[in-house]
Each structure stands twice: as structure tokens, then as C-alpha cells.
Amino acid sequence: MKKTTVPLKLINLHDDGFHLLVEVFIFGKKFNAVLDTGASKTVLDKATIAEYISPEELLQSEKLSTGLGITDMESHTVVLPLLKIGKLKLQNFEAAVLDLSTISIAYNSLNLPPVIGVLGGDILYAHGAVISYEKLLLKLWAETIH
């Protein structure tokens, strides 16, 4: 197994805690994602990805979006041809898609960089994530890293 080490950015939420941001590459572009160990799945913002996919690529999901305090939110999935985190390349990765406008509005109001979504436990667990707050690094393991 090989590892990739990815730098993290610590964001101060102005007396409301901290978020860790990780750089991801989706649709051939660089985005920030919130590193969220409490999220069971990786979730992308519907409005942000709308400009990169056709409506047919957005698949309706029957699963409820639990954990967000919302039980009636419309939920979708999308298959990403390629998701890169550092040297880790995930092909045909299925991510959840939700309306994350509240996060976007909150980040904007605090003058923080925009985020495409959250990097969740599905990737963190599958790739043995180790997070160092002291060094602001994320280590991920993979069978093959290109």
C-alpha cells in the first residue's frame, strides 16, 4: 500500500469552532472541501456542480439525508469520472448531492473560501485516513496511487 499526504487548511469560524479544508480535484478543477469525520458520505453541493454536469447525470436517491437535522431534503447522487485528493485517484466515485446553500451562505458571510462540499467517512475510512491537526496534514492510503 502507498500513502499520499495532503495539506489541510484550518479555518476559524469566528468563535464557533474550526473547520479543516482539503483541496480536491473534480471535473478537472481545484475545489475546497470540508473534511468531516462525522459525515458518513462525501457530499457535493448541488448548485456548485450543476455547471459541470448535465441534469441526466444527477440520479435521484431514495436515501434520506440523516445527520443534517433534515429528513425531507431531496437527495441525489452523481458518479464522478475522477476525484483526486493529493495523489489518490478515485475513478467512477459515487458521491451524494444535496443543497448545501446554507454552508455556502455561512462561509460567504464570514469571508471564507467557497467549498464544493464535504469529504466524508466513506473515503476517510476506506483509505485509512490519519489527520494531524498539529501538522495540518491528511494521510490517505491506497492500493495504487498514480
Protein backbone atom coordinates (compact mmCIF):
# COMPACT_ATOMS: atom_id res chain seq x y z
CA MET A 1 0.00 0.00 0.00
CA LYS A 2 1.12 3.53 -0.75
CA LYS A 3 0.22 6.75 1.01
CA THR A 4 -0.39 10.30 -0.06
CA THR A 5 -0.05 13.25 2.27
CA VAL A 6 -2.29 16.23 1.62
CA PRO A 7 -2.02 19.64 3.29
CA LEU A 8 -5.03 20.91 5.23
CA LYS A 9 -6.19 24.47 5.79
CA LEU A 10 -7.54 25.35 9.25
CA ILE A 11 -10.47 27.77 9.02
CA ASN A 12 -11.53 29.76 12.08
CA LEU A 13 -15.33 30.07 12.22
CA HIS A 14 -15.09 33.21 14.36
CA ASP A 15 -15.80 31.92 17.88
CA ASP A 16 -17.85 28.99 16.56
CA GLY A 17 -15.07 26.44 16.21
CA PHE A 18 -12.89 25.39 13.31
CA HIS A 19 -13.17 23.51 10.02
CA LEU A 20 -10.44 21.74 8.13
CA LEU A 21 -10.41 22.26 4.36
CA VAL A 22 -8.81 19.85 1.93
CA GLU A 23 -8.10 20.51 -1.73
CA VAL A 24 -9.84 18.14 -4.15
CA PHE A 25 -9.86 17.95 -7.94
CA ILE A 26 -13.22 17.26 -9.57
CA PHE A 27 -14.22 17.95 -13.18
CA GLY A 28 -10.54 18.77 -13.77
CA LYS A 29 -10.77 21.78 -11.44
CA LYS A 30 -9.46 22.53 -7.96
CA PHE A 31 -12.01 22.97 -5.14
CA ASN A 32 -12.02 23.13 -1.34
CA ALA A 33 -13.98 20.54 0.62
CA VAL A 34 -14.66 20.46 4.35
CA LEU A 35 -13.02 17.45 5.99
CA ASP A 36 -15.89 16.00 8.04
CA THR A 37 -15.21 12.89 10.13
CA GLY A 38 -18.85 12.95 11.27
CA ALA A 39 -20.27 12.75 7.75
CA SER A 40 -20.96 9.19 6.68
CA LYS A 41 -20.66 10.03 2.97
CA THR A 42 -18.90 12.51 0.77
CA VAL A 43 -21.45 15.14 -0.26
CA LEU A 44 -21.30 17.73 -3.02
CA ASP A 45 -23.31 20.92 -3.32
CA LYS A 46 -25.99 20.64 -5.99
CA ALA A 47 -25.74 24.27 -7.15
CA THR A 48 -21.94 24.15 -7.43
CA ILE A 49 -21.78 21.00 -9.55
CA ALA A 50 -24.77 21.97 -11.75
CA GLU A 51 -22.50 23.86 -14.13
CA TYR A 52 -20.30 20.80 -14.68
CA ILE A 53 -22.85 18.04 -15.26
CA SER A 54 -25.98 17.52 -17.32
CA PRO A 55 -29.29 17.05 -15.45
CA GLU A 56 -29.33 13.40 -16.61
CA GLU A 57 -26.14 12.71 -14.63
CA LEU A 58 -27.89 13.64 -11.38
CA LEU A 59 -29.54 10.48 -10.08
CA GLN A 60 -32.46 10.60 -7.63
CA SER A 61 -31.62 8.88 -4.35
CA GLU A 62 -34.11 7.08 -2.16
CA LYS A 63 -31.92 7.50 0.92
CA LEU A 64 -32.81 10.17 3.45
CA SER A 65 -30.22 12.74 4.40
CA THR A 66 -29.90 11.88 8.06
CA GLY A 67 -27.49 13.65 10.33
CA LEU A 68 -28.16 17.08 8.89
CA GLY A 69 -31.25 17.64 11.02
CA ILE A 70 -33.35 17.43 7.87
CA THR A 71 -35.44 14.46 6.88
CA ASP A 72 -37.28 15.79 3.83
CA MET A 73 -34.33 17.14 1.81
CA GLU A 74 -34.23 15.99 -1.78
CA SER A 75 -31.16 13.86 -2.22
CA HIS A 76 -29.30 12.79 -5.35
CA THR A 77 -26.11 11.02 -6.31
CA VAL A 78 -23.60 11.61 -9.07
CA VAL A 79 -20.85 9.38 -10.40
CA LEU A 80 -17.65 11.37 -10.73
CA PRO A 81 -15.38 10.09 -13.51
CA LEU A 82 -12.38 11.14 -11.41
CA LEU A 83 -11.93 12.51 -7.89
CA LYS A 84 -8.36 13.35 -6.89
CA ILE A 85 -7.15 14.04 -3.36
CA GLY A 86 -3.42 14.54 -3.40
CA LYS A 87 -2.02 11.60 -5.37
CA LEU A 88 -5.08 9.45 -4.63
CA LYS A 89 -7.24 9.00 -7.73
CA LEU A 90 -10.75 7.60 -7.32
CA GLN A 91 -12.42 6.67 -10.60
CA ASN A 92 -16.20 6.45 -11.01
CA PHE A 93 -16.73 7.58 -7.44
CA GLU A 94 -20.37 7.92 -6.36
CA ALA A 95 -20.98 10.99 -4.21
CA ALA A 96 -24.17 12.21 -2.58
CA VAL A 97 -25.54 15.51 -3.86
CA LEU A 98 -27.53 17.87 -1.62
CA ASP A 99 -28.45 21.52 -1.42
CA LEU A 100 -25.62 22.85 0.75
CA SER A 101 -26.51 26.51 0.22
CA THR A 102 -26.62 27.14 3.98
CA ILE A 103 -22.93 26.22 4.21
CA SER A 104 -22.13 28.42 1.21
CA ILE A 105 -24.02 31.36 2.72
CA ALA A 106 -22.32 30.91 6.10
CA TYR A 107 -18.85 30.72 4.54
CA ASN A 108 -19.55 33.75 2.37
CA SER A 109 -20.79 35.79 5.35
CA LEU A 110 -17.54 35.00 7.20
CA ASN A 111 -15.43 35.85 4.11
CA LEU A 112 -14.17 32.27 3.92
CA PRO A 113 -13.23 30.44 0.71
CA PRO A 114 -16.12 28.64 -1.03
CA VAL A 115 -16.43 24.86 -0.69
CA ILE A 116 -17.79 22.26 -3.10
CA GLY A 117 -18.98 20.01 -0.26
CA VAL A 118 -17.71 17.69 2.44
CA LEU A 119 -15.20 14.86 2.32
CA GLY A 120 -16.82 12.21 4.47
CA GLY A 121 -16.26 8.92 6.24
CA ASP A 122 -16.74 6.80 3.13
CA ILE A 123 -13.39 7.99 1.74
CA LEU A 124 -11.71 8.58 5.09
CA TYR A 125 -12.44 5.05 6.35
CA ALA A 126 -11.78 3.25 3.05
CA HIS A 127 -8.37 4.89 2.78
CA GLY A 128 -7.27 4.72 6.42
CA ALA A 129 -7.21 8.46 6.95
CA VAL A 130 -4.90 9.91 9.57
CA ILE A 131 -5.48 13.57 10.40
CA SER A 132 -2.82 15.68 12.08
CA TYR A 133 -4.14 18.94 13.49
CA GLU A 134 -0.64 19.80 14.70
CA LYS A 135 0.95 19.45 11.25
CA LEU A 136 -2.27 20.24 9.30
CA LEU A 137 -1.88 17.11 7.18
CA LEU A 138 -4.19 14.36 5.94
CA LYS A 139 -2.65 10.97 5.14
CA LEU A 140 -4.57 8.56 2.92
CA TRP A 141 -3.62 5.02 1.90
CA ALA A 142 -4.41 3.28 -1.37
CA GLU A 143 -3.67 0.08 -3.23
CA THR A 144 -2.35 2.18 -6.08
CA ILE A 145 -1.56 5.85 -6.22
CA HIS A 146 -0.69 7.22 -9.64
